[in-house]
Amino acid sequence: PKSKRNKVITLTKTKKKPKEKKDTLIEEIRTSCEKFSRLYLVSIENERNTFIQAVRHKLRPGRLICAKNKVMQLALGTTPATECQDGVHQIANRI
């Protein structure tokens, strides 16, 4: 009979996002960086839906992009050679 000891059981039913979705998010961040003249780095602790909607409404016609820190750093570029615009790597290092 099969042993029932030391079995790995996943408690979550979420699936990983595919690489294509991350690549499209990176391209979206880069095009937004080229489109708009200013970039703000915001840290939100209590991210309720109504609060984020209010912030998005006040930032119009701008964009509020929520993503993982590493994906944002990769999109903006962490070195002057990989950055999407001049000086953006300094903000990417602060994420």
PDB file of N, CA and C in Angstrom:
ATOM      1  N   PRO A   1       0.824  -1.200   0.000  1.00  0.00           N
ATOM      2  CA  PRO A   1       0.000   0.000   0.000  1.00  0.00           C
ATOM      3  C   PRO A   1       0.870   1.268   0.000  1.00  0.00           C
ATOM      4  N   LYS A   2       0.301   2.355  -0.486  1.00  0.00           N
ATOM      5  CA  LYS A   2       1.004   3.634  -0.519  1.00  0.00           C
ATOM      6  C   LYS A   2       1.073   4.241   0.869  1.00  0.00           C
ATOM      7  N   SER A   3       2.218   4.861   1.155  1.00  0.00           N
ATOM      8  CA  SER A   3       2.380   5.532   2.438  1.00  0.00           C
ATOM      9  C   SER A   3       1.681   6.888   2.396  1.00  0.00           C
ATOM     10  N   LYS A   4       1.009   7.233   3.472  1.00  0.00           N
ATOM     11  CA  LYS A   4       0.313   8.506   3.538  1.00  0.00           C
ATOM     12  C   LYS A   4       1.108   9.542   4.312  1.00  0.00           C
ATOM     13  N   ARG A   5       2.307   9.212   4.698  1.00  0.00           N
ATOM     14  CA  ARG A   5       3.137  10.138   5.447  1.00  0.00           C
ATOM     15  C   ARG A   5       3.913  11.046   4.493  1.00  0.00           C
ATOM     16  N   ASN A   6       4.243  12.202   4.990  1.00  0.00           N
ATOM     17  CA  ASN A   6       5.070  13.182   4.279  1.00  0.00           C
ATOM     18  C   ASN A   6       4.533  13.525   2.896  1.00  0.00           C
ATOM     19  N   LYS A   7       3.240  13.652   2.779  1.00  0.00           N
ATOM     20  CA  LYS A   7       2.657  14.090   1.524  1.00  0.00           C
ATOM     21  C   LYS A   7       2.529  15.604   1.547  1.00  0.00           C
ATOM     22  N   VAL A   8       2.843  16.222   0.434  1.00  0.00           N
ATOM     23  CA  VAL A   8       2.689  17.663   0.318  1.00  0.00           C
ATOM     24  C   VAL A   8       1.267  17.955  -0.142  1.00  0.00           C
ATOM     25  N   ILE A   9       0.559  18.724   0.661  1.00  0.00           N
ATOM     26  CA  ILE A   9      -0.816  19.060   0.335  1.00  0.00           C
ATOM     27  C   ILE A   9      -0.902  20.574   0.180  1.00  0.00           C
ATOM     28  N   THR A  10      -1.334  21.043  -0.983  1.00  0.00           N
ATOM     29  CA  THR A  10      -1.489  22.480  -1.181  1.00  0.00           C
ATOM     30  C   THR A  10      -2.842  22.906  -0.638  1.00  0.00           C
ATOM     31  N   LEU A  11      -2.836  23.965   0.132  1.00  0.00           N
ATOM     32  CA  LEU A  11      -4.066  24.452   0.741  1.00  0.00           C
ATOM     33  C   LEU A  11      -4.711  25.562  -0.077  1.00  0.00           C
ATOM     34  N   THR A  12      -4.039  26.004  -1.107  1.00  0.00           N
ATOM     35  CA  THR A  12      -4.575  27.080  -1.921  1.00  0.00           C
ATOM     36  C   THR A  12      -5.063  26.535  -3.261  1.00  0.00           C
ATOM     37  N   LYS A  13      -6.028  27.201  -3.807  1.00  0.00           N
ATOM     38  CA  LYS A  13      -6.549  26.783  -5.104  1.00  0.00           C
ATOM     39  C   LYS A  13      -6.198  27.795  -6.184  1.00  0.00           C
ATOM     40  N   THR A  14      -5.343  28.756  -5.859  1.00  0.00           N
ATOM     41  CA  THR A  14      -4.949  29.749  -6.850  1.00  0.00           C
ATOM     42  C   THR A  14      -3.907  29.170  -7.787  1.00  0.00           C
ATOM     43  N   LYS A  15      -3.957  29.632  -9.018  1.00  0.00           N
ATOM     44  CA  LYS A  15      -2.995  29.179 -10.014  1.00  0.00           C
ATOM     45  C   LYS A  15      -1.997  30.290 -10.281  1.00  0.00           C
ATOM     46  N   LYS A  16      -0.783  29.917 -10.673  1.00  0.00           N
ATOM     47  CA  LYS A  16       0.226  30.907 -11.008  1.00  0.00           C
ATOM     48  C   LYS A  16      -0.147  31.611 -12.300  1.00  0.00           C
ATOM     49  N   LYS A  17       0.225  32.900 -12.370  1.00  0.00           N
ATOM     50  CA  LYS A  17      -0.030  33.651 -13.582  1.00  0.00           C
ATOM     51  C   LYS A  17       0.992  33.253 -14.638  1.00  0.00           C
ATOM     52  N   PRO A  18       0.567  33.106 -15.872  1.00  0.00           N
ATOM     53  CA  PRO A  18       1.519  32.715 -16.917  1.00  0.00           C
ATOM     54  C   PRO A  18       2.489  33.845 -17.243  1.00  0.00           C
ATOM     55  N   LYS A  19       3.607  33.477 -17.821  1.00  0.00           N
ATOM     56  CA  LYS A  19       4.660  34.448 -18.148  1.00  0.00           C
ATOM     57  C   LYS A  19       4.166  35.487 -19.145  1.00  0.00           C
ATOM     58  N   GLU A  20       3.256  35.116 -20.035  1.00  0.00           N
ATOM     59  CA  GLU A  20       2.749  36.057 -21.029  1.00  0.00           C
ATOM     60  C   GLU A  20       1.997  37.208 -20.361  1.00  0.00           C
ATOM     61  N   LYS A  21       1.289  36.896 -19.286  1.00  0.00           N
ATOM     62  CA  LYS A  21       0.547  37.938 -18.581  1.00  0.00           C
ATOM     63  C   LYS A  21       1.503  38.931 -17.916  1.00  0.00           C
ATOM     64  N   LYS A  22       2.600  38.416 -17.360  1.00  0.00           N
ATOM     65  CA  LYS A  22       3.595  39.295 -16.756  1.00  0.00           C
ATOM     66  C   LYS A  22       4.285  40.147 -17.820  1.00  0.00           C
ATOM     67  N   ASP A  23       4.547  39.547 -18.984  1.00  0.00           N
ATOM     68  CA  ASP A  23       5.186  40.296 -20.067  1.00  0.00           C
ATOM     69  C   ASP A  23       4.288  41.421 -20.570  1.00  0.00           C
ATOM     70  N   THR A  24       2.987  41.170 -20.680  1.00  0.00           N
ATOM     71  CA  THR A  24       2.078  42.224 -21.118  1.00  0.00           C
ATOM     72  C   THR A  24       1.968  43.335 -20.074  1.00  0.00           C
ATOM     73  N   LEU A  25       2.042  42.967 -18.780  1.00  0.00           N
ATOM     74  CA  LEU A  25       2.022  43.974 -17.723  1.00  0.00           C
ATOM     75  C   LEU A  25       3.277  44.837 -17.775  1.00  0.00           C
ATOM     76  N   ILE A  26       4.429  44.219 -18.040  1.00  0.00           N
ATOM     77  CA  ILE A  26       5.684  44.968 -18.157  1.00  0.00           C
ATOM     78  C   ILE A  26       5.609  45.944 -19.329  1.00  0.00           C
ATOM     79  N   GLU A  27       5.087  45.505 -20.453  1.00  0.00           N
ATOM     80  CA  GLU A  27       4.948  46.387 -21.617  1.00  0.00           C
ATOM     81  C   GLU A  27       3.964  47.517 -21.334  1.00  0.00           C
ATOM     82  N   GLU A  28       2.902  47.224 -20.601  1.00  0.00           N
ATOM     83  CA  GLU A  28       1.922  48.250 -20.244  1.00  0.00           C
ATOM     84  C   GLU A  28       2.545  49.312 -19.342  1.00  0.00           C
ATOM     85  N   ILE A  29       3.384  48.889 -18.399  1.00  0.00           N
ATOM     86  CA  ILE A  29       4.056  49.833 -17.510  1.00  0.00           C
ATOM     87  C   ILE A  29       5.024  50.702 -18.307  1.00  0.00           C
ATOM     88  N   ARG A  30       5.750  50.108 -19.233  1.00  0.00           N
ATOM     89  CA  ARG A  30       6.715  50.870 -20.034  1.00  0.00           C
ATOM     90  C   ARG A  30       6.027  51.874 -20.956  1.00  0.00           C
ATOM     91  N   THR A  31       4.919  51.487 -21.558  1.00  0.00           N
ATOM     92  CA  THR A  31       4.202  52.438 -22.420  1.00  0.00           C
ATOM     93  C   THR A  31       3.576  53.562 -21.597  1.00  0.00           C
ATOM     94  N   SER A  32       3.100  53.247 -20.396  1.00  0.00           N
ATOM     95  CA  SER A  32       2.561  54.290 -19.521  1.00  0.00           C
ATOM     96  C   SER A  32       3.654  55.243 -19.072  1.00  0.00           C
ATOM     97  N   CYS A  33       4.847  54.721 -18.869  1.00  0.00           N
ATOM     98  CA  CYS A  33       5.979  55.547 -18.457  1.00  0.00           C
ATOM     99  C   CYS A  33       6.369  56.521 -19.568  1.00  0.00           C
ATOM    100  N   GLU A  34       6.260  56.078 -20.808  1.00  0.00           N
ATOM    101  CA  GLU A  34       6.575  56.956 -21.934  1.00  0.00           C
ATOM    102  C   GLU A  34       5.451  57.962 -22.181  1.00  0.00           C
ATOM    103  N   LYS A  35       4.219  57.561 -21.919  1.00  0.00           N
ATOM    104  CA  LYS A  35       3.062  58.400 -22.210  1.00  0.00           C
ATOM    105  C   LYS A  35       2.929  59.565 -21.230  1.00  0.00           C
ATOM    106  N   PHE A  36       3.182  59.318 -19.947  1.00  0.00           N
ATOM    107  CA  PHE A  36       2.988  60.341 -18.922  1.00  0.00           C
ATOM    108  C   PHE A  36       4.324  60.945 -18.506  1.00  0.00           C
ATOM    109  N   SER A  37       4.286  62.218 -18.093  1.00  0.00           N
ATOM    110  CA  SER A  37       5.522  62.930 -17.772  1.00  0.00           C
ATOM    111  C   SER A  37       5.956  62.741 -16.315  1.00  0.00           C
ATOM    112  N   ARG A  38       5.046  62.335 -15.441  1.00  0.00           N
ATOM    113  CA  ARG A  38       5.385  62.177 -14.021  1.00  0.00           C
ATOM    114  C   ARG A  38       5.117  60.756 -13.566  1.00  0.00           C
ATOM    115  N   LEU A  39       5.899  60.352 -12.543  1.00  0.00           N
ATOM    116  CA  LEU A  39       5.763  59.011 -11.981  1.00  0.00           C
ATOM    117  C   LEU A  39       5.777  59.136 -10.466  1.00  0.00           C
ATOM    118  N   TYR A  40       4.774  58.577  -9.811  1.00  0.00           N
ATOM    119  CA  TYR A  40       4.681  58.615  -8.354  1.00  0.00           C
ATOM    120  C   TYR A  40       4.769  57.198  -7.814  1.00  0.00           C
ATOM    121  N   LEU A  41       5.495  57.064  -6.717  1.00  0.00           N
ATOM    122  CA  LEU A  41       5.605  55.786  -6.026  1.00  0.00           C
ATOM    123  C   LEU A  41       4.796  55.903  -4.736  1.00  0.00           C
ATOM    124  N   VAL A  42       3.743  55.094  -4.622  1.00  0.00           N
ATOM    125  CA  VAL A  42       2.816  55.190  -3.498  1.00  0.00           C
ATOM    126  C   VAL A  42       2.804  53.868  -2.755  1.00  0.00           C
ATOM    127  N   SER A  43       2.870  53.949  -1.431  1.00  0.00           N
ATOM    128  CA  SER A  43       2.759  52.763  -0.594  1.00  0.00           C
ATOM    129  C   SER A  43       1.408  52.808   0.114  1.00  0.00           C
ATOM    130  N   ILE A  44       0.597  51.785  -0.102  1.00  0.00           N
ATOM    131  CA  ILE A  44      -0.751  51.735   0.470  1.00  0.00           C
ATOM    132  C   ILE A  44      -0.808  50.565   1.436  1.00  0.00           C
ATOM    133  N   GLU A  45      -1.200  50.840   2.680  1.00  0.00           N
ATOM    134  CA  GLU A  45      -1.271  49.777   3.676  1.00  0.00           C
ATOM    135  C   GLU A  45      -2.642  49.123   3.720  1.00  0.00           C
ATOM    136  N   ASN A  46      -3.697  49.927   3.774  1.00  0.00           N
ATOM    137  CA  ASN A  46      -5.048  49.378   3.859  1.00  0.00           C
ATOM    138  C   ASN A  46      -5.710  49.589   2.505  1.00  0.00           C
ATOM    139  N   GLU A  47      -5.525  48.647   1.621  1.00  0.00           N
ATOM    140  CA  GLU A  47      -5.964  48.838   0.242  1.00  0.00           C
ATOM    141  C   GLU A  47      -7.410  48.379   0.039  1.00  0.00           C
ATOM    142  N   ARG A  48      -8.329  49.196   0.502  1.00  0.00           N
ATOM    143  CA  ARG A  48      -9.747  48.924   0.268  1.00  0.00           C
ATOM    144  C   ARG A  48     -10.110  49.375  -1.141  1.00  0.00           C
ATOM    145  N   ASN A  49     -11.102  48.741  -1.704  1.00  0.00           N
ATOM    146  CA  ASN A  49     -11.496  49.008  -3.078  1.00  0.00           C
ATOM    147  C   ASN A  49     -11.987  50.439  -3.255  1.00  0.00           C
ATOM    148  N   THR A  50     -12.772  50.950  -2.304  1.00  0.00           N
ATOM    149  CA  THR A  50     -13.299  52.307  -2.443  1.00  0.00           C
ATOM    150  C   THR A  50     -12.190  53.343  -2.374  1.00  0.00           C
ATOM    151  N   PHE A  51     -11.178  53.087  -1.539  1.00  0.00           N
ATOM    152  CA  PHE A  51     -10.052  54.014  -1.425  1.00  0.00           C
ATOM    153  C   PHE A  51      -9.251  54.056  -2.720  1.00  0.00           C
ATOM    154  N   ILE A  52      -8.966  52.897  -3.303  1.00  0.00           N
ATOM    155  CA  ILE A  52      -8.196  52.846  -4.543  1.00  0.00           C
ATOM    156  C   ILE A  52      -8.986  53.479  -5.680  1.00  0.00           C
ATOM    157  N   GLN A  53     -10.303  53.294  -5.700  1.00  0.00           N
ATOM    158  CA  GLN A  53     -11.131  53.928  -6.724  1.00  0.00           C
ATOM    159  C   GLN A  53     -11.082  55.447  -6.601  1.00  0.00           C
ATOM    160  N   ALA A  54     -11.080  55.958  -5.367  1.00  0.00           N
ATOM    161  CA  ALA A  54     -10.996  57.405  -5.163  1.00  0.00           C
ATOM    162  C   ALA A  54      -9.652  57.947  -5.635  1.00  0.00           C
ATOM    163  N   VAL A  55      -8.574  57.215  -5.359  1.00  0.00           N
ATOM    164  CA  VAL A  55      -7.241  57.645  -5.803  1.00  0.00           C
ATOM    165  C   VAL A  55      -7.162  57.619  -7.327  1.00  0.00           C
ATOM    166  N   ARG A  56      -7.704  56.579  -7.951  1.00  0.00           N
ATOM    167  CA  ARG A  56      -7.710  56.502  -9.418  1.00  0.00           C
ATOM    168  C   ARG A  56      -8.513  57.642 -10.027  1.00  0.00           C
ATOM    169  N   HIS A  57      -9.615  58.006  -9.368  1.00  0.00           N
ATOM    170  CA  HIS A  57     -10.446  59.097  -9.882  1.00  0.00           C
ATOM    171  C   HIS A  57      -9.701  60.429  -9.812  1.00  0.00           C
ATOM    172  N   LYS A  58      -8.940  60.653  -8.746  1.00  0.00           N
ATOM    173  CA  LYS A  58      -8.197  61.910  -8.605  1.00  0.00           C
ATOM    174  C   LYS A  58      -6.986  61.972  -9.525  1.00  0.00           C
ATOM    175  N   LEU A  59      -6.461  60.822  -9.918  1.00  0.00           N
ATOM    176  CA  LEU A  59      -5.281  60.798 -10.794  1.00  0.00           C
ATOM    177  C   LEU A  59      -5.628  60.890 -12.273  1.00  0.00           C
ATOM    178  N   ARG A  60      -6.896  60.928 -12.615  1.00  0.00           N
ATOM    179  CA  ARG A  60      -7.269  60.979 -14.018  1.00  0.00           C
ATOM    180  C   ARG A  60      -6.711  62.208 -14.680  1.00  0.00           C
ATOM    181  N   PRO A  61      -6.244  62.159 -15.880  1.00  0.00           N
ATOM    182  CA  PRO A  61      -6.212  61.089 -16.864  1.00  0.00           C
ATOM    183  C   PRO A  61      -5.027  60.147 -16.694  1.00  0.00           C
ATOM    184  N   GLY A  62      -4.367  60.173 -15.556  1.00  0.00           N
ATOM    185  CA  GLY A  62      -3.225  59.290 -15.296  1.00  0.00           C
ATOM    186  C   GLY A  62      -3.651  57.863 -15.008  1.00  0.00           C
ATOM    187  N   ARG A  63      -2.676  57.036 -14.637  1.00  0.00           N
ATOM    188  CA  ARG A  63      -2.935  55.618 -14.371  1.00  0.00           C
ATOM    189  C   ARG A  63      -2.407  55.248 -13.001  1.00  0.00           C
ATOM    190  N   LEU A  64      -3.068  54.329 -12.352  1.00  0.00           N
ATOM    191  CA  LEU A  64      -2.588  53.722 -11.115  1.00  0.00           C
ATOM    192  C   LEU A  64      -2.405  52.244 -11.409  1.00  0.00           C
ATOM    193  N   ILE A  65      -1.147  51.792 -11.357  1.00  0.00           N
ATOM    194  CA  ILE A  65      -0.849  50.407 -11.686  1.00  0.00           C
ATOM    195  C   ILE A  65      -0.407  49.693 -10.414  1.00  0.00           C
ATOM    196  N   CYS A  66      -1.087  48.618 -10.080  1.00  0.00           N
ATOM    197  CA  CYS A  66      -0.741  47.801  -8.927  1.00  0.00           C
ATOM    198  C   CYS A  66      -0.147  46.491  -9.437  1.00  0.00           C
ATOM    199  N   ALA A  67       1.073  46.208  -9.015  1.00  0.00           N
ATOM    200  CA  ALA A  67       1.741  44.978  -9.449  1.00  0.00           C
ATOM    201  C   ALA A  67       2.727  44.574  -8.370  1.00  0.00           C
ATOM    202  N   LYS A  68       3.320  43.414  -8.549  1.00  0.00           N
ATOM    203  CA  LYS A  68       4.344  42.962  -7.606  1.00  0.00           C
ATOM    204  C   LYS A  68       5.583  43.838  -7.746  1.00  0.00           C
ATOM    205  N   ASN A  69       6.337  43.952  -6.651  1.00  0.00           N
ATOM    206  CA  ASN A  69       7.492  44.831  -6.638  1.00  0.00           C
ATOM    207  C   ASN A  69       8.534  44.436  -7.679  1.00  0.00           C
ATOM    208  N   LYS A  70       8.833  43.162  -7.800  1.00  0.00           N
ATOM    209  CA  LYS A  70       9.852  42.711  -8.752  1.00  0.00           C
ATOM    210  C   LYS A  70       9.432  42.966 -10.195  1.00  0.00           C
ATOM    211  N   VAL A  71       8.158  42.806 -10.482  1.00  0.00           N
ATOM    212  CA  VAL A  71       7.671  43.055 -11.837  1.00  0.00           C
ATOM    213  C   VAL A  71       7.779  44.538 -12.165  1.00  0.00           C
ATOM    214  N   MET A  72       7.448  45.392 -11.186  1.00  0.00           N
ATOM    215  CA  MET A  72       7.573  46.838 -11.397  1.00  0.00           C
ATOM    216  C   MET A  72       9.026  47.230 -11.601  1.00  0.00           C
ATOM    217  N   GLN A  73       9.937  46.653 -10.797  1.00  0.00           N
ATOM    218  CA  GLN A  73      11.356  46.960 -10.953  1.00  0.00           C
ATOM    219  C   GLN A  73      11.866  46.514 -12.312  1.00  0.00           C
ATOM    220  N   LEU A  74      11.453  45.344 -12.752  1.00  0.00           N
ATOM    221  CA  LEU A  74      11.881  44.832 -14.046  1.00  0.00           C
ATOM    222  C   LEU A  74      11.356  45.715 -15.177  1.00  0.00           C
ATOM    223  N   ALA A  75      10.141  46.206 -15.049  1.00  0.00           N
ATOM    224  CA  ALA A  75       9.554  47.048 -16.094  1.00  0.00           C
ATOM    225  C   ALA A  75      10.237  48.410 -16.164  1.00  0.00           C
ATOM    226  N   LEU A  76      10.537  49.014 -15.011  1.00  0.00           N
ATOM    227  CA  LEU A  76      11.155  50.339 -15.014  1.00  0.00           C
ATOM    228  C   LEU A  76      12.646  50.273 -15.304  1.00  0.00           C
ATOM    229  N   GLY A  77      13.301  49.189 -14.886  1.00  0.00           N
ATOM    230  CA  GLY A  77      14.735  49.044 -15.091  1.00  0.00           C
ATOM    231  C   GLY A  77      15.501  49.446 -13.843  1.00  0.00           C
ATOM    232  N   THR A  78      16.403  48.596 -13.392  1.00  0.00           N
ATOM    233  CA  THR A  78      17.131  48.877 -12.154  1.00  0.00           C
ATOM    234  C   THR A  78      18.496  49.508 -12.395  1.00  0.00           C
ATOM    235  N   THR A  79      18.968  49.503 -13.621  1.00  0.00           N
ATOM    236  CA  THR A  79      20.253  50.129 -13.950  1.00  0.00           C
ATOM    237  C   THR A  79      20.031  51.139 -15.067  1.00  0.00           C
ATOM    238  N   PRO A  80      20.968  52.091 -15.235  1.00  0.00           N
ATOM    239  CA  PRO A  80      20.806  53.061 -16.328  1.00  0.00           C
ATOM    240  C   PRO A  80      20.755  52.406 -17.710  1.00  0.00           C
ATOM    241  N   ALA A  81      21.345  51.233 -17.858  1.00  0.00           N
ATOM    242  CA  ALA A  81      21.338  50.557 -19.160  1.00  0.00           C
ATOM    243  C   ALA A  81      19.971  49.925 -19.464  1.00  0.00           C
ATOM    244  N   THR A  82      19.239  49.494 -18.428  1.00  0.00           N
ATOM    245  CA  THR A  82      17.976  48.792 -18.652  1.00  0.00           C
ATOM    246  C   THR A  82      16.741  49.651 -18.397  1.00  0.00           C
ATOM    247  N   GLU A  83      16.914  50.911 -18.003  1.00  0.00           N
ATOM    248  CA  GLU A  83      15.751  51.742 -17.677  1.00  0.00           C
ATOM    249  C   GLU A  83      14.987  52.135 -18.945  1.00  0.00           C
ATOM    250  N   CYS A  84      13.681  52.359 -18.781  1.00  0.00           N
ATOM    251  CA  CYS A  84      12.846  52.687 -19.938  1.00  0.00           C
ATOM    252  C   CYS A  84      12.896  54.176 -20.260  1.00  0.00           C
ATOM    253  N   GLN A  85      13.205  55.027 -19.279  1.00  0.00           N
ATOM    254  CA  GLN A  85      13.395  56.458 -19.495  1.00  0.00           C
ATOM    255  C   GLN A  85      14.525  56.938 -18.604  1.00  0.00           C
ATOM    256  N   ASP A  86      15.026  58.131 -18.858  1.00  0.00           N
ATOM    257  CA  ASP A  86      16.164  58.655 -18.097  1.00  0.00           C
ATOM    258  C   ASP A  86      15.792  58.886 -16.642  1.00  0.00           C
ATOM    259  N   GLY A  87      16.585  58.348 -15.731  1.00  0.00           N
ATOM    260  CA  GLY A  87      16.417  58.570 -14.301  1.00  0.00           C
ATOM    261  C   GLY A  87      15.369  57.706 -13.620  1.00  0.00           C
ATOM    262  N   VAL A  88      14.698  56.838 -14.333  1.00  0.00           N
ATOM    263  CA  VAL A  88      13.640  56.016 -13.749  1.00  0.00           C
ATOM    264  C   VAL A  88      14.224  54.910 -12.878  1.00  0.00           C
ATOM    265  N   HIS A  89      15.461  54.499 -13.132  1.00  0.00           N
ATOM    266  CA  HIS A  89      16.048  53.423 -12.348  1.00  0.00           C
ATOM    267  C   HIS A  89      16.211  53.814 -10.882  1.00  0.00           C
ATOM    268  N   GLN A  90      16.288  55.112 -10.583  1.00  0.00           N
ATOM    269  CA  GLN A  90      16.399  55.546  -9.192  1.00  0.00           C
ATOM    270  C   GLN A  90      15.105  55.261  -8.435  1.00  0.00           C
ATOM    271  N   ILE A  91      13.981  55.428  -9.083  1.00  0.00           N
ATOM    272  CA  ILE A  91      12.699  55.096  -8.445  1.00  0.00           C
ATOM    273  C   ILE A  91      12.529  53.595  -8.342  1.00  0.00           C
ATOM    274  N   ALA A  92      12.977  52.864  -9.352  1.00  0.00           N
ATOM    275  CA  ALA A  92      12.860  51.406  -9.331  1.00  0.00           C
ATOM    276  C   ALA A  92      13.655  50.817  -8.180  1.00  0.00           C
ATOM    277  N   ASN A  93      14.773  51.427  -7.833  1.00  0.00           N
ATOM    278  CA  ASN A  93      15.574  50.916  -6.711  1.00  0.00           C
ATOM    279  C   ASN A  93      14.911  51.204  -5.365  1.00  0.00           C
ATOM    280  N   ARG A  94      13.991  52.158  -5.307  1.00  0.00           N
ATOM    281  CA  ARG A  94      13.302  52.475  -4.051  1.00  0.00           C
ATOM    282  C   ARG A  94      12.081  51.600  -3.806  1.00  0.00           C
ATOM    283  N   ILE A  95      11.664  50.839  -4.799  1.00  0.00           N
ATOM    284  CA  ILE A  95      10.486  49.981  -4.628  1.00  0.00           C
ATOM    285  C   ILE A  95      10.824  48.870  -3.659  1.00  0.00           C
TER     286      ILE A  95
END
